[in-house]
Amino acid sequence: MALLERHDCKDSIGIYSCSDWKLMNSIVLDSYDVIEILWDFNDSHIAAWENPINYRLHVICPFKGVVLKYQPYDYALGIRIAQFSNRSLFLGVGSFD
């Protein structure tokens, strides 16, 4: 299970084992305000994106940390929706603009 958390004014993702609810990994994100996270269908990556004001996308490996940070521009309309393809080969991202 992945849980979006905020510690000391920093966003982080906690990866928990569902069998004993033990924290397996905690990944701190370089972000302003992450609003949503999404597992891929293979459970190998997590996508996290920020509020509608900031266009910033993070792709996280649960055991390695952040593998991709995508921010094409600053202070413009951000990500509206994101979805992994059925075999988790692609990540589609739709923005407000």
PDB file of N, CA and C in Angstrom:
ATOM      1  N   MET A   1       0.837  -1.162   0.000  1.00  0.00           N
ATOM      2  CA  MET A   1       0.000   0.000   0.000  1.00  0.00           C
ATOM      3  C   MET A   1       0.890   1.236   0.000  1.00  0.00           C
ATOM      4  N   ALA A   2       0.528   2.214  -0.782  1.00  0.00           N
ATOM      5  CA  ALA A   2       1.237   3.489  -0.817  1.00  0.00           C
ATOM      6  C   ALA A   2       0.351   4.544  -0.170  1.00  0.00           C
ATOM      7  N   LEU A   3       0.949   5.344   0.690  1.00  0.00           N
ATOM      8  CA  LEU A   3       0.208   6.372   1.407  1.00  0.00           C
ATOM      9  C   LEU A   3       0.944   7.689   1.255  1.00  0.00           C
ATOM     10  N   LEU A   4       0.236   8.700   0.802  1.00  0.00           N
ATOM     11  CA  LEU A   4       0.801  10.036   0.645  1.00  0.00           C
ATOM     12  C   LEU A   4       0.810  10.710   2.016  1.00  0.00           C
ATOM     13  N   GLU A   5       1.995  11.161   2.447  1.00  0.00           N
ATOM     14  CA  GLU A   5       2.155  11.731   3.783  1.00  0.00           C
ATOM     15  C   GLU A   5       2.869  13.074   3.698  1.00  0.00           C
ATOM     16  N   ARG A   6       2.743  13.854   4.744  1.00  0.00           N
ATOM     17  CA  ARG A   6       3.480  15.118   4.837  1.00  0.00           C
ATOM     18  C   ARG A   6       4.147  15.178   6.211  1.00  0.00           C
ATOM     19  N   HIS A   7       5.488  15.266   6.197  1.00  0.00           N
ATOM     20  CA  HIS A   7       6.283  15.376   7.417  1.00  0.00           C
ATOM     21  C   HIS A   7       7.184  16.599   7.285  1.00  0.00           C
ATOM     22  N   ASP A   8       7.178  17.463   8.281  1.00  0.00           N
ATOM     23  CA  ASP A   8       8.010  18.669   8.297  1.00  0.00           C
ATOM     24  C   ASP A   8       7.825  19.500   7.030  1.00  0.00           C
ATOM     25  N   CYS A   9       6.579  19.653   6.597  1.00  0.00           N
ATOM     26  CA  CYS A   9       6.210  20.447   5.409  1.00  0.00           C
ATOM     27  C   CYS A   9       6.796  19.887   4.117  1.00  0.00           C
ATOM     28  N   LYS A  10       7.098  18.606   4.062  1.00  0.00           N
ATOM     29  CA  LYS A  10       7.590  17.961   2.845  1.00  0.00           C
ATOM     30  C   LYS A  10       6.713  16.761   2.530  1.00  0.00           C
ATOM     31  N   ASP A  11       6.361  16.622   1.250  1.00  0.00           N
ATOM     32  CA  ASP A  11       5.556  15.484   0.818  1.00  0.00           C
ATOM     33  C   ASP A  11       6.422  14.243   0.743  1.00  0.00           C
ATOM     34  N   SER A  12       5.852  13.126   1.151  1.00  0.00           N
ATOM     35  CA  SER A  12       6.550  11.844   1.042  1.00  0.00           C
ATOM     36  C   SER A  12       5.526  10.748   0.782  1.00  0.00           C
ATOM     37  N   ILE A  13       6.019   9.646   0.258  1.00  0.00           N
ATOM     38  CA  ILE A  13       5.179   8.480   0.016  1.00  0.00           C
ATOM     39  C   ILE A  13       5.687   7.357   0.902  1.00  0.00           C
ATOM     40  N   GLY A  14       4.805   6.841   1.736  1.00  0.00           N
ATOM     41  CA  GLY A  14       5.132   5.708   2.588  1.00  0.00           C
ATOM     42  C   GLY A  14       4.647   4.428   1.929  1.00  0.00           C
ATOM     43  N   ILE A  15       5.535   3.460   1.794  1.00  0.00           N
ATOM     44  CA  ILE A  15       5.197   2.144   1.240  1.00  0.00           C
ATOM     45  C   ILE A  15       5.056   1.182   2.415  1.00  0.00           C
ATOM     46  N   TYR A  16       3.855   0.618   2.589  1.00  0.00           N
ATOM     47  CA  TYR A  16       3.557  -0.244   3.724  1.00  0.00           C
ATOM     48  C   TYR A  16       3.244  -1.662   3.264  1.00  0.00           C
ATOM     49  N   SER A  17       3.641  -2.623   4.069  1.00  0.00           N
ATOM     50  CA  SER A  17       3.275  -4.018   3.857  1.00  0.00           C
ATOM     51  C   SER A  17       1.866  -4.218   4.406  1.00  0.00           C
ATOM     52  N   CYS A  18       0.981  -4.798   3.611  1.00  0.00           N
ATOM     53  CA  CYS A  18      -0.408  -4.989   4.045  1.00  0.00           C
ATOM     54  C   CYS A  18      -0.579  -6.177   4.986  1.00  0.00           C
ATOM     55  N   SER A  19       0.404  -7.065   5.061  1.00  0.00           N
ATOM     56  CA  SER A  19       0.259  -8.229   5.936  1.00  0.00           C
ATOM     57  C   SER A  19       0.442  -7.855   7.407  1.00  0.00           C
ATOM     58  N   ASP A  20       1.392  -6.962   7.719  1.00  0.00           N
ATOM     59  CA  ASP A  20       1.612  -6.567   9.102  1.00  0.00           C
ATOM     60  C   ASP A  20       1.629  -5.048   9.309  1.00  0.00           C
ATOM     61  N   TRP A  21       1.309  -4.270   8.265  1.00  0.00           N
ATOM     62  CA  TRP A  21       1.239  -2.813   8.281  1.00  0.00           C
ATOM     63  C   TRP A  21       2.551  -2.179   8.732  1.00  0.00           C
ATOM     64  N   LYS A  22       3.634  -2.783   8.312  1.00  0.00           N
ATOM     65  CA  LYS A  22       4.964  -2.268   8.639  1.00  0.00           C
ATOM     66  C   LYS A  22       5.438  -1.355   7.505  1.00  0.00           C
ATOM     67  N   LEU A  23       6.069  -0.235   7.869  1.00  0.00           N
ATOM     68  CA  LEU A  23       6.627   0.677   6.882  1.00  0.00           C
ATOM     69  C   LEU A  23       7.835   0.033   6.218  1.00  0.00           C
ATOM     70  N   MET A  24       7.770  -0.133   4.887  1.00  0.00           N
ATOM     71  CA  MET A  24       8.869  -0.756   4.162  1.00  0.00           C
ATOM     72  C   MET A  24       9.833   0.272   3.583  1.00  0.00           C
ATOM     73  N   ASN A  25       9.311   1.434   3.148  1.00  0.00           N
ATOM     74  CA  ASN A  25      10.151   2.475   2.573  1.00  0.00           C
ATOM     75  C   ASN A  25       9.392   3.794   2.646  1.00  0.00           C
ATOM     76  N   SER A  26      10.138   4.871   2.793  1.00  0.00           N
ATOM     77  CA  SER A  26       9.577   6.211   2.772  1.00  0.00           C
ATOM     78  C   SER A  26      10.383   7.034   1.780  1.00  0.00           C
ATOM     79  N   ILE A  27       9.695   7.648   0.825  1.00  0.00           N
ATOM     80  CA  ILE A  27      10.347   8.385  -0.256  1.00  0.00           C
ATOM     81  C   ILE A  27       9.923   9.841  -0.162  1.00  0.00           C
ATOM     82  N   VAL A  28      10.885  10.727   0.042  1.00  0.00           N
ATOM     83  CA  VAL A  28      10.610  12.159   0.121  1.00  0.00           C
ATOM     84  C   VAL A  28      10.626  12.724  -1.292  1.00  0.00           C
ATOM     85  N   LEU A  29       9.614  13.529  -1.620  1.00  0.00           N
ATOM     86  CA  LEU A  29       9.479  14.113  -2.950  1.00  0.00           C
ATOM     87  C   LEU A  29       9.875  15.583  -2.936  1.00  0.00           C
ATOM     88  N   ASP A  30      10.483  16.025  -4.008  1.00  0.00           N
ATOM     89  CA  ASP A  30      10.794  17.436  -4.197  1.00  0.00           C
ATOM     90  C   ASP A  30       9.578  18.080  -4.851  1.00  0.00           C
ATOM     91  N   SER A  31       8.632  18.507  -4.019  1.00  0.00           N
ATOM     92  CA  SER A  31       7.361  18.987  -4.547  1.00  0.00           C
ATOM     93  C   SER A  31       6.804  20.079  -3.652  1.00  0.00           C
ATOM     94  N   TYR A  32       5.762  20.758  -4.159  1.00  0.00           N
ATOM     95  CA  TYR A  32       5.062  21.770  -3.386  1.00  0.00           C
ATOM     96  C   TYR A  32       3.828  21.197  -2.709  1.00  0.00           C
ATOM     97  N   ASP A  33       3.030  20.467  -3.478  1.00  0.00           N
ATOM     98  CA  ASP A  33       1.761  19.972  -2.943  1.00  0.00           C
ATOM     99  C   ASP A  33       1.252  18.827  -3.814  1.00  0.00           C
ATOM    100  N   VAL A  34       1.672  17.611  -3.543  1.00  0.00           N
ATOM    101  CA  VAL A  34       1.207  16.436  -4.289  1.00  0.00           C
ATOM    102  C   VAL A  34      -0.228  16.148  -3.864  1.00  0.00           C
ATOM    103  N   ILE A  35      -1.093  15.949  -4.864  1.00  0.00           N
ATOM    104  CA  ILE A  35      -2.508  15.722  -4.537  1.00  0.00           C
ATOM    105  C   ILE A  35      -2.978  14.301  -4.835  1.00  0.00           C
ATOM    106  N   GLU A  36      -2.245  13.583  -5.694  1.00  0.00           N
ATOM    107  CA  GLU A  36      -2.723  12.246  -6.046  1.00  0.00           C
ATOM    108  C   GLU A  36      -1.548  11.343  -6.421  1.00  0.00           C
ATOM    109  N   ILE A  37      -1.702  10.062  -6.081  1.00  0.00           N
ATOM    110  CA  ILE A  37      -0.727   9.044  -6.476  1.00  0.00           C
ATOM    111  C   ILE A  37      -1.472   7.890  -7.128  1.00  0.00           C
ATOM    112  N   LEU A  38      -0.760   7.148  -7.995  1.00  0.00           N
ATOM    113  CA  LEU A  38      -1.383   6.065  -8.749  1.00  0.00           C
ATOM    114  C   LEU A  38      -0.374   4.957  -8.976  1.00  0.00           C
ATOM    115  N   TRP A  39      -0.701   3.738  -8.555  1.00  0.00           N
ATOM    116  CA  TRP A  39       0.136   2.567  -8.835  1.00  0.00           C
ATOM    117  C   TRP A  39      -0.048   2.165 -10.291  1.00  0.00           C
ATOM    118  N   ASP A  40       1.005   1.633 -10.918  1.00  0.00           N
ATOM    119  CA  ASP A  40       0.819   1.033 -12.233  1.00  0.00           C
ATOM    120  C   ASP A  40       0.270  -0.376 -12.048  1.00  0.00           C
ATOM    121  N   PHE A  41      -0.117  -1.014 -13.137  1.00  0.00           N
ATOM    122  CA  PHE A  41      -0.773  -2.321 -13.051  1.00  0.00           C
ATOM    123  C   PHE A  41       0.185  -3.444 -12.662  1.00  0.00           C
ATOM    124  N   ASN A  42       1.498  -3.233 -12.836  1.00  0.00           N
ATOM    125  CA  ASN A  42       2.496  -4.240 -12.453  1.00  0.00           C
ATOM    126  C   ASN A  42       2.998  -4.040 -11.027  1.00  0.00           C
ATOM    127  N   ASP A  43       2.529  -3.022 -10.346  1.00  0.00           N
ATOM    128  CA  ASP A  43       2.972  -2.661  -8.992  1.00  0.00           C
ATOM    129  C   ASP A  43       4.471  -2.398  -8.918  1.00  0.00           C
ATOM    130  N   SER A  44       5.042  -1.879 -10.001  1.00  0.00           N
ATOM    131  CA  SER A  44       6.478  -1.599 -10.005  1.00  0.00           C
ATOM    132  C   SER A  44       6.792  -0.112  -9.960  1.00  0.00           C
ATOM    133  N   HIS A  45       5.821   0.740 -10.237  1.00  0.00           N
ATOM    134  CA  HIS A  45       6.035   2.183 -10.214  1.00  0.00           C
ATOM    135  C   HIS A  45       4.785   2.895  -9.688  1.00  0.00           C
ATOM    136  N   ILE A  46       5.014   4.090  -9.165  1.00  0.00           N
ATOM    137  CA  ILE A  46       3.943   4.948  -8.676  1.00  0.00           C
ATOM    138  C   ILE A  46       4.090   6.292  -9.372  1.00  0.00           C
ATOM    139  N   ALA A  47       2.988   6.821  -9.874  1.00  0.00           N
ATOM    140  CA  ALA A  47       2.979   8.173 -10.435  1.00  0.00           C
ATOM    141  C   ALA A  47       2.379   9.106  -9.389  1.00  0.00           C
ATOM    142  N   ALA A  48       3.002  10.268  -9.220  1.00  0.00           N
ATOM    143  CA  ALA A  48       2.501  11.276  -8.278  1.00  0.00           C
ATOM    144  C   ALA A  48       2.500  12.617  -8.981  1.00  0.00           C
ATOM    145  N   TRP A  49       1.400  13.370  -8.862  1.00  0.00           N
ATOM    146  CA  TRP A  49       1.363  14.682  -9.486  1.00  0.00           C
ATOM    147  C   TRP A  49       0.817  15.706  -8.514  1.00  0.00           C
ATOM    148  N   GLU A  50       1.118  16.966  -8.852  1.00  0.00           N
ATOM    149  CA  GLU A  50       0.843  18.067  -7.946  1.00  0.00           C
ATOM    150  C   GLU A  50      -0.504  18.719  -8.211  1.00  0.00           C
ATOM    151  N   ASN A  51      -0.762  19.792  -7.488  1.00  0.00           N
ATOM    152  CA  ASN A  51      -2.028  20.510  -7.581  1.00  0.00           C
ATOM    153  C   ASN A  51      -2.220  21.117  -8.966  1.00  0.00           C
ATOM    154  N   PRO A  52      -3.404  21.607  -9.298  1.00  0.00           N
ATOM    155  CA  PRO A  52      -3.661  22.119 -10.653  1.00  0.00           C
ATOM    156  C   PRO A  52      -2.856  23.359 -11.040  1.00  0.00           C
ATOM    157  N   ILE A  53      -2.170  23.988 -10.104  1.00  0.00           N
ATOM    158  CA  ILE A  53      -1.376  25.172 -10.417  1.00  0.00           C
ATOM    159  C   ILE A  53       0.028  24.801 -10.899  1.00  0.00           C
ATOM    160  N   ASN A  54       0.585  23.707 -10.418  1.00  0.00           N
ATOM    161  CA  ASN A  54       1.954  23.309 -10.762  1.00  0.00           C
ATOM    162  C   ASN A  54       1.952  22.057 -11.621  1.00  0.00           C
ATOM    163  N   TYR A  55       2.556  22.129 -12.798  1.00  0.00           N
ATOM    164  CA  TYR A  55       2.656  20.973 -13.685  1.00  0.00           C
ATOM    165  C   TYR A  55       3.947  20.232 -13.342  1.00  0.00           C
ATOM    166  N   ARG A  56       3.841  19.272 -12.446  1.00  0.00           N
ATOM    167  CA  ARG A  56       5.006  18.487 -12.045  1.00  0.00           C
ATOM    168  C   ARG A  56       4.565  17.043 -11.818  1.00  0.00           C
ATOM    169  N   LEU A  57       5.260  16.115 -12.476  1.00  0.00           N
ATOM    170  CA  LEU A  57       4.950  14.689 -12.381  1.00  0.00           C
ATOM    171  C   LEU A  57       6.185  13.951 -11.886  1.00  0.00           C
ATOM    172  N   HIS A  58       5.989  13.061 -10.929  1.00  0.00           N
ATOM    173  CA  HIS A  58       7.053  12.205 -10.416  1.00  0.00           C
ATOM    174  C   HIS A  58       6.679  10.761 -10.704  1.00  0.00           C
ATOM    175  N   VAL A  59       7.639   9.964 -11.146  1.00  0.00           N
ATOM    176  CA  VAL A  59       7.458   8.522 -11.262  1.00  0.00           C
ATOM    177  C   VAL A  59       8.440   7.897 -10.288  1.00  0.00           C
ATOM    178  N   ILE A  60       7.912   7.058  -9.408  1.00  0.00           N
ATOM    179  CA  ILE A  60       8.677   6.528  -8.289  1.00  0.00           C
ATOM    180  C   ILE A  60       8.710   5.012  -8.347  1.00  0.00           C
ATOM    181  N   CYS A  61       9.889   4.444  -8.143  1.00  0.00           N
ATOM    182  CA  CYS A  61      10.025   3.006  -7.915  1.00  0.00           C
ATOM    183  C   CYS A  61       9.928   2.814  -6.399  1.00  0.00           C
ATOM    184  N   PRO A  62       9.090   1.924  -5.898  1.00  0.00           N
ATOM    185  CA  PRO A  62       8.887   1.798  -4.459  1.00  0.00           C
ATOM    186  C   PRO A  62      10.151   1.476  -3.656  1.00  0.00           C
ATOM    187  N   PHE A  63      11.139   0.872  -4.279  1.00  0.00           N
ATOM    188  CA  PHE A  63      12.334   0.494  -3.533  1.00  0.00           C
ATOM    189  C   PHE A  63      13.568   1.300  -3.916  1.00  0.00           C
ATOM    190  N   LYS A  64      13.539   1.983  -5.071  1.00  0.00           N
ATOM    191  CA  LYS A  64      14.691   2.776  -5.510  1.00  0.00           C
ATOM    192  C   LYS A  64      14.497   4.263  -5.316  1.00  0.00           C
ATOM    193  N   GLY A  65      13.266   4.729  -5.270  1.00  0.00           N
ATOM    194  CA  GLY A  65      12.988   6.150  -5.126  1.00  0.00           C
ATOM    195  C   GLY A  65      12.523   6.763  -6.435  1.00  0.00           C
ATOM    196  N   VAL A  66      12.715   8.063  -6.570  1.00  0.00           N
ATOM    197  CA  VAL A  66      12.247   8.795  -7.743  1.00  0.00           C
ATOM    198  C   VAL A  66      13.102   8.425  -8.954  1.00  0.00           C
ATOM    199  N   VAL A  67      12.449   7.956 -10.023  1.00  0.00           N
ATOM    200  CA  VAL A  67      13.165   7.591 -11.251  1.00  0.00           C
ATOM    201  C   VAL A  67      12.936   8.616 -12.363  1.00  0.00           C
ATOM    202  N   LEU A  68      11.898   9.444 -12.237  1.00  0.00           N
ATOM    203  CA  LEU A  68      11.616  10.457 -13.251  1.00  0.00           C
ATOM    204  C   LEU A  68      10.902  11.630 -12.606  1.00  0.00           C
ATOM    205  N   LYS A  69      11.343  12.823 -12.949  1.00  0.00           N
ATOM    206  CA  LYS A  69      10.656  14.052 -12.550  1.00  0.00           C
ATOM    207  C   LYS A  69      10.444  14.851 -13.818  1.00  0.00           C
ATOM    208  N   TYR A  70       9.191  15.123 -14.158  1.00  0.00           N
ATOM    209  CA  TYR A  70       8.854  15.827 -15.392  1.00  0.00           C
ATOM    210  C   TYR A  70       8.138  17.119 -15.048  1.00  0.00           C
ATOM    211  N   GLN A  71       8.710  18.239 -15.481  1.00  0.00           N
ATOM    212  CA  GLN A  71       8.127  19.552 -15.249  1.00  0.00           C
ATOM    213  C   GLN A  71       8.399  20.408 -16.486  1.00  0.00           C
ATOM    214  N   PRO A  72       7.470  20.428 -17.453  1.00  0.00           N
ATOM    215  CA  PRO A  72       7.736  21.140 -18.698  1.00  0.00           C
ATOM    216  C   PRO A  72       7.743  22.653 -18.562  1.00  0.00           C
ATOM    217  N   TYR A  73       6.990  23.203 -17.609  1.00  0.00           N
ATOM    218  CA  TYR A  73       6.958  24.652 -17.415  1.00  0.00           C
ATOM    219  C   TYR A  73       6.519  24.947 -15.988  1.00  0.00           C
ATOM    220  N   ASP A  74       6.723  26.200 -15.575  1.00  0.00           N
ATOM    221  CA  ASP A  74       6.373  26.635 -14.221  1.00  0.00           C
ATOM    222  C   ASP A  74       5.140  27.528 -14.238  1.00  0.00           C
ATOM    223  N   TYR A  75       4.368  27.446 -13.173  1.00  0.00           N
ATOM    224  CA  TYR A  75       3.252  28.345 -12.900  1.00  0.00           C
ATOM    225  C   TYR A  75       2.273  28.456 -14.066  1.00  0.00           C
ATOM    226  N   ALA A  76       1.854  27.338 -14.547  1.00  0.00           N
ATOM    227  CA  ALA A  76       0.812  27.268 -15.564  1.00  0.00           C
ATOM    228  C   ALA A  76      -0.149  26.164 -15.122  1.00  0.00           C
ATOM    229  N   LEU A  77      -1.217  25.988 -15.858  1.00  0.00           N
ATOM    230  CA  LEU A  77      -2.186  24.964 -15.478  1.00  0.00           C
ATOM    231  C   LEU A  77      -1.540  23.584 -15.476  1.00  0.00           C
ATOM    232  N   GLY A  78      -1.884  22.777 -14.487  1.00  0.00           N
ATOM    233  CA  GLY A  78      -1.193  21.528 -14.257  1.00  0.00           C
ATOM    234  C   GLY A  78      -1.899  20.298 -14.781  1.00  0.00           C
ATOM    235  N   ILE A  79      -1.618  19.178 -14.156  1.00  0.00           N
ATOM    236  CA  ILE A  79      -2.107  17.869 -14.577  1.00  0.00           C
ATOM    237  C   ILE A  79      -3.535  17.676 -14.076  1.00  0.00           C
ATOM    238  N   ARG A  80      -4.383  17.237 -14.980  1.00  0.00           N
ATOM    239  CA  ARG A  80      -5.774  16.969 -14.634  1.00  0.00           C
ATOM    240  C   ARG A  80      -5.986  15.495 -14.324  1.00  0.00           C
ATOM    241  N   ILE A  81      -5.372  14.617 -15.132  1.00  0.00           N
ATOM    242  CA  ILE A  81      -5.533  13.176 -14.959  1.00  0.00           C
ATOM    243  C   ILE A  81      -4.295  12.469 -15.492  1.00  0.00           C
ATOM    244  N   ALA A  82      -4.014  11.319 -14.925  1.00  0.00           N
ATOM    245  CA  ALA A  82      -2.931  10.470 -15.411  1.00  0.00           C
ATOM    246  C   ALA A  82      -3.403   9.018 -15.309  1.00  0.00           C
ATOM    247  N   GLN A  83      -2.973   8.197 -16.262  1.00  0.00           N
ATOM    248  CA  GLN A  83      -3.389   6.795 -16.275  1.00  0.00           C
ATOM    249  C   GLN A  83      -2.320   5.953 -16.952  1.00  0.00           C
ATOM    250  N   PHE A  84      -1.984   4.829 -16.339  1.00  0.00           N
ATOM    251  CA  PHE A  84      -1.056   3.876 -16.947  1.00  0.00           C
ATOM    252  C   PHE A  84      -1.792   3.023 -17.974  1.00  0.00           C
ATOM    253  N   SER A  85      -1.073   2.577 -19.004  1.00  0.00           N
ATOM    254  CA  SER A  85      -1.666   1.660 -19.976  1.00  0.00           C
ATOM    255  C   SER A  85      -1.853   0.287 -19.331  1.00  0.00           C
ATOM    256  N   ASN A  86      -2.564  -0.597 -20.009  1.00  0.00           N
ATOM    257  CA  ASN A  86      -2.903  -1.909 -19.432  1.00  0.00           C
ATOM    258  C   ASN A  86      -1.683  -2.738 -19.045  1.00  0.00           C
ATOM    259  N   ARG A  87      -0.609  -2.661 -19.833  1.00  0.00           N
ATOM    260  CA  ARG A  87       0.592  -3.420 -19.514  1.00  0.00           C
ATOM    261  C   ARG A  87       1.668  -2.549 -18.854  1.00  0.00           C
ATOM    262  N   SER A  88       1.288  -1.349 -18.456  1.00  0.00           N
ATOM    263  CA  SER A  88       2.159  -0.403 -17.757  1.00  0.00           C
ATOM    264  C   SER A  88       3.378   0.012 -18.568  1.00  0.00           C
ATOM    265  N   LEU A  89       3.257   0.005 -19.886  1.00  0.00           N
ATOM    266  CA  LEU A  89       4.356   0.455 -20.730  1.00  0.00           C
ATOM    267  C   LEU A  89       4.331   1.961 -20.938  1.00  0.00           C
ATOM    268  N   PHE A  90       3.138   2.560 -20.854  1.00  0.00           N
ATOM    269  CA  PHE A  90       2.980   3.982 -21.112  1.00  0.00           C
ATOM    270  C   PHE A  90       2.211   4.638 -19.971  1.00  0.00           C
ATOM    271  N   LEU A  91       2.476   5.923 -19.812  1.00  0.00           N
ATOM    272  CA  LEU A  91       1.736   6.735 -18.852  1.00  0.00           C
ATOM    273  C   LEU A  91       1.145   7.916 -19.612  1.00  0.00           C
ATOM    274  N   GLY A  92      -0.172   7.960 -19.681  1.00  0.00           N
ATOM    275  CA  GLY A  92      -0.840   9.068 -20.343  1.00  0.00           C
ATOM    276  C   GLY A  92      -1.153  10.159 -19.337  1.00  0.00           C
ATOM    277  N   VAL A  93      -0.876  11.398 -19.712  1.00  0.00           N
ATOM    278  CA  VAL A  93      -1.086  12.534 -18.824  1.00  0.00           C
ATOM    279  C   VAL A  93      -1.905  13.583 -19.557  1.00  0.00           C
ATOM    280  N   GLY A  94      -2.982  14.017 -18.943  1.00  0.00           N
ATOM    281  CA  GLY A  94      -3.814  15.077 -19.499  1.00  0.00           C
ATOM    282  C   GLY A  94      -3.770  16.294 -18.596  1.00  0.00           C
ATOM    283  N   SER A  95      -3.596  17.465 -19.194  1.00  0.00           N
ATOM    284  CA  SER A  95      -3.490  18.694 -18.406  1.00  0.00           C
ATOM    285  C   SER A  95      -4.727  19.570 -18.603  1.00  0.00           C
ATOM    286  N   PHE A  96      -4.794  20.641 -17.854  1.00  0.00           N
ATOM    287  CA  PHE A  96      -5.931  21.554 -17.943  1.00  0.00           C
ATOM    288  C   PHE A  96      -5.868  22.468 -19.163  1.00  0.00           C
ATOM    289  N   ASP A  97      -4.678  22.619 -19.780  1.00  0.00           N
ATOM    290  CA  ASP A  97      -4.583  23.571 -20.903  1.00  0.00           C
ATOM    291  C   ASP A  97      -4.683  22.879 -22.227  1.00  0.00           C
TER     292      ASP A  97
END
